[in-house]
Amino acid sequence: MDSPKFTKSDSTVLLLNEIDILLAQTRLLELYLKQSQATAANETARIPALQTELSEKQRMLESRDAELQNTKAETVILRERVAELEIVHQQAQAVAQEFAINRQDLQVELAALRHELEKNQQDFERQQVIPRALQENLEEQLAKLQDRLTERQSSSQ
């Protein structure tokens, strides 16, 4: 009878060992479950953080896109302004060239007028010399005539 009792106790021990093993496995599974839950909680926390970061980066990207669009628009405006300024510059150069040509023409004309003025002044001075000489001659003749008149008046008295 010892044998059957021993068998029962063997099967009980085996059963208890299996229960211990199952309990250890259950505890291990609970640890795995807690680890998985902690990992899931960590991943869940990381996901909202990443979503927040993604949203922030999307806002920054949209802001940069808006800045880029503004910069492109400003670039277009500046290019148009540069084109306008180049046209104005070309016009200013044309006016400057025309002014230089006109100035040169005016200088030539001024030189011609100065030359003509000098010639006219010389002619005028020459013409003034003749009337002066005539006037002096006439004054001399008048003086002689007055002297003669005075002599005649004196002799007639």
Protein backbone atom coordinates (compact mmCIF):
# COMPACT_ATOMS: atom_id res chain seq x y z
CA MET A 1 0.00 0.00 0.00
CA ASP A 2 2.91 2.13 0.36
CA SER A 3 3.40 2.09 -3.28
CA PRO A 4 0.00 3.42 -4.21
CA LYS A 5 0.27 6.09 -1.54
CA PHE A 6 3.61 7.01 -2.84
CA THR A 7 2.16 7.23 -6.33
CA LYS A 8 -0.54 9.50 -5.08
CA SER A 9 1.96 11.63 -3.40
CA ASP A 10 4.11 11.53 -6.49
CA SER A 11 1.23 12.64 -8.63
CA THR A 12 0.38 15.27 -6.02
CA VAL A 13 3.93 16.47 -5.98
CA LEU A 14 3.94 16.47 -9.74
CA LEU A 15 0.66 18.31 -9.74
CA LEU A 16 1.95 20.76 -7.19
CA ASN A 17 5.10 21.22 -9.22
CA GLU A 18 3.02 21.82 -12.31
CA ILE A 19 0.87 24.29 -10.37
CA ASP A 20 4.06 26.03 -9.17
CA ILE A 21 5.32 26.09 -12.72
CA LEU A 22 1.97 27.41 -13.94
CA LEU A 23 1.97 30.03 -11.17
CA ALA A 24 5.53 31.04 -12.10
CA GLN A 25 4.49 31.19 -15.74
CA THR A 26 1.40 33.23 -14.74
CA ARG A 27 3.59 35.63 -12.77
CA LEU A 28 5.97 35.79 -15.70
CA LEU A 29 3.01 36.47 -18.02
CA GLU A 30 1.79 39.14 -15.58
CA LEU A 31 5.27 40.70 -15.63
CA TYR A 32 5.25 40.53 -19.42
CA LEU A 33 1.78 42.07 -19.39
CA LYS A 34 2.91 44.87 -17.03
CA GLN A 35 6.01 45.41 -19.14
CA SER A 36 3.85 45.48 -22.29
CA GLN A 37 1.43 47.90 -20.60
CA ALA A 38 4.32 50.11 -19.49
CA THR A 39 5.78 49.96 -22.99
CA ALA A 40 2.35 50.71 -24.47
CA ALA A 41 1.87 53.63 -22.03
CA ASN A 42 5.35 54.89 -22.90
CA GLU A 43 4.62 54.52 -26.62
CA THR A 44 1.23 56.21 -26.16
CA ALA A 45 2.91 59.13 -24.37
CA ARG A 46 5.56 59.22 -27.05
CA ILE A 47 2.93 59.21 -29.82
CA PRO A 48 1.10 62.35 -28.48
CA ALA A 49 4.50 64.01 -28.04
CA LEU A 50 5.40 63.11 -31.61
CA GLN A 51 1.97 64.24 -32.80
CA THR A 52 2.46 67.56 -30.99
CA GLU A 53 5.93 67.88 -32.49
CA LEU A 54 4.54 66.96 -35.92
CA SER A 55 1.76 69.57 -35.57
CA GLU A 56 4.31 72.18 -34.54
CA LYS A 57 6.56 71.30 -37.46
CA GLN A 58 3.59 71.41 -39.83
CA ARG A 59 2.74 74.89 -38.51
CA MET A 60 6.36 75.92 -38.95
CA LEU A 61 6.33 74.44 -42.46
CA GLU A 62 3.13 76.33 -43.29
CA SER A 63 4.65 79.50 -41.84
CA ARG A 64 7.81 78.96 -43.89
CA ASP A 65 5.68 78.27 -46.97
CA ALA A 66 3.83 81.55 -46.35
CA GLU A 67 7.17 83.34 -45.90
CA LEU A 68 8.44 81.72 -49.08
CA GLN A 69 5.34 82.85 -50.99
CA ASN A 70 5.75 86.38 -49.60
CA THR A 71 9.42 86.34 -50.51
CA LYS A 72 8.59 85.12 -54.02
CA ALA A 73 5.99 87.88 -54.37
CA GLU A 74 8.50 90.45 -53.11
CA THR A 75 11.07 89.04 -55.52
CA VAL A 76 8.66 89.50 -58.41
CA ILE A 77 7.94 93.06 -57.29
CA LEU A 78 11.65 93.78 -56.88
CA ARG A 79 12.43 92.31 -60.31
CA GLU A 80 9.75 94.52 -61.83
CA ARG A 81 11.18 97.50 -59.97
CA VAL A 82 14.69 96.62 -61.17
CA ALA A 83 13.37 96.41 -64.74
CA GLU A 84 11.68 99.81 -64.31
CA LEU A 85 14.87 101.27 -62.85
CA GLU A 86 16.89 99.85 -65.74
CA ILE A 87 14.49 101.53 -68.18
CA VAL A 88 14.72 104.79 -66.21
CA HIS A 89 18.52 104.42 -66.16
CA GLN A 90 18.60 103.91 -69.93
CA GLN A 91 16.33 106.92 -70.39
CA ALA A 92 18.55 108.95 -68.07
CA GLN A 93 21.60 107.91 -70.08
CA ALA A 94 19.83 108.89 -73.31
CA VAL A 95 18.90 112.26 -71.78
CA ALA A 96 22.47 112.68 -70.52
CA GLN A 97 23.83 111.93 -73.99
CA GLU A 98 21.34 114.34 -75.53
CA PHE A 99 22.28 116.92 -72.90
CA ALA A 100 25.97 116.40 -73.67
CA ILE A 101 25.31 116.83 -77.39
CA ASN A 102 23.19 119.93 -76.74
CA ARG A 103 25.83 121.31 -74.39
CA GLN A 104 28.52 120.75 -76.97
CA ASP A 105 26.34 122.40 -79.64
CA LEU A 106 25.67 125.31 -77.28
CA GLN A 107 29.37 125.65 -76.52
CA VAL A 108 30.13 125.77 -80.24
CA GLU A 109 27.32 128.30 -80.72
CA LEU A 110 28.53 130.30 -77.71
CA ALA A 111 32.06 130.34 -79.10
CA ALA A 112 30.69 131.51 -82.45
CA LEU A 113 28.61 134.20 -80.73
CA ARG A 114 31.62 135.35 -78.70
CA HIS A 115 33.67 135.54 -81.87
CA GLU A 116 30.87 137.48 -83.59
CA LEU A 117 30.58 139.76 -80.53
CA GLU A 118 34.31 140.46 -80.58
CA LYS A 119 34.12 141.18 -84.31
CA ASN A 120 31.11 143.46 -83.77
CA GLN A 121 32.88 145.23 -80.93
CA GLN A 122 35.93 145.74 -83.10
CA ASP A 123 33.71 147.00 -85.94
CA PHE A 124 31.86 149.25 -83.49
CA GLU A 125 35.11 150.61 -82.11
CA ARG A 126 36.35 151.20 -85.67
CA GLN A 127 33.08 152.87 -86.50
CA GLN A 128 33.37 154.99 -83.36
CA VAL A 129 36.86 156.09 -84.35
CA ILE A 130 35.58 157.50 -87.66
CA PRO A 131 32.81 159.64 -86.11
CA ARG A 132 35.22 160.84 -83.43
CA ALA A 133 37.72 161.81 -86.01
CA LEU A 134 34.94 163.49 -88.00
CA GLN A 135 33.63 165.16 -84.87
CA GLU A 136 37.10 166.36 -83.95
CA ASN A 137 37.60 167.55 -87.52
CA LEU A 138 34.23 169.28 -87.49
CA GLU A 139 34.93 170.80 -84.08
CA GLU A 140 38.26 172.01 -85.42
CA GLN A 141 36.60 173.47 -88.50
CA LEU A 142 33.90 175.02 -86.31
CA ALA A 143 36.54 176.51 -84.06
CA LYS A 144 38.37 177.90 -87.12
CA LEU A 145 35.12 179.23 -88.51
CA GLN A 146 34.29 180.83 -85.17
CA ASP A 147 37.77 182.30 -85.07
CA ARG A 148 37.32 183.63 -88.57
CA LEU A 149 33.89 184.92 -87.68
CA THR A 150 35.26 186.61 -84.65
CA GLU A 151 38.10 188.12 -86.75
CA ARG A 152 35.67 189.33 -89.37
CA GLN A 153 33.39 190.79 -86.78
CA SER A 154 36.37 192.48 -85.21
CA SER A 155 37.60 193.79 -88.55
CA SER A 156 34.15 194.91 -89.60
CA GLN A 157 33.77 196.95 -86.45
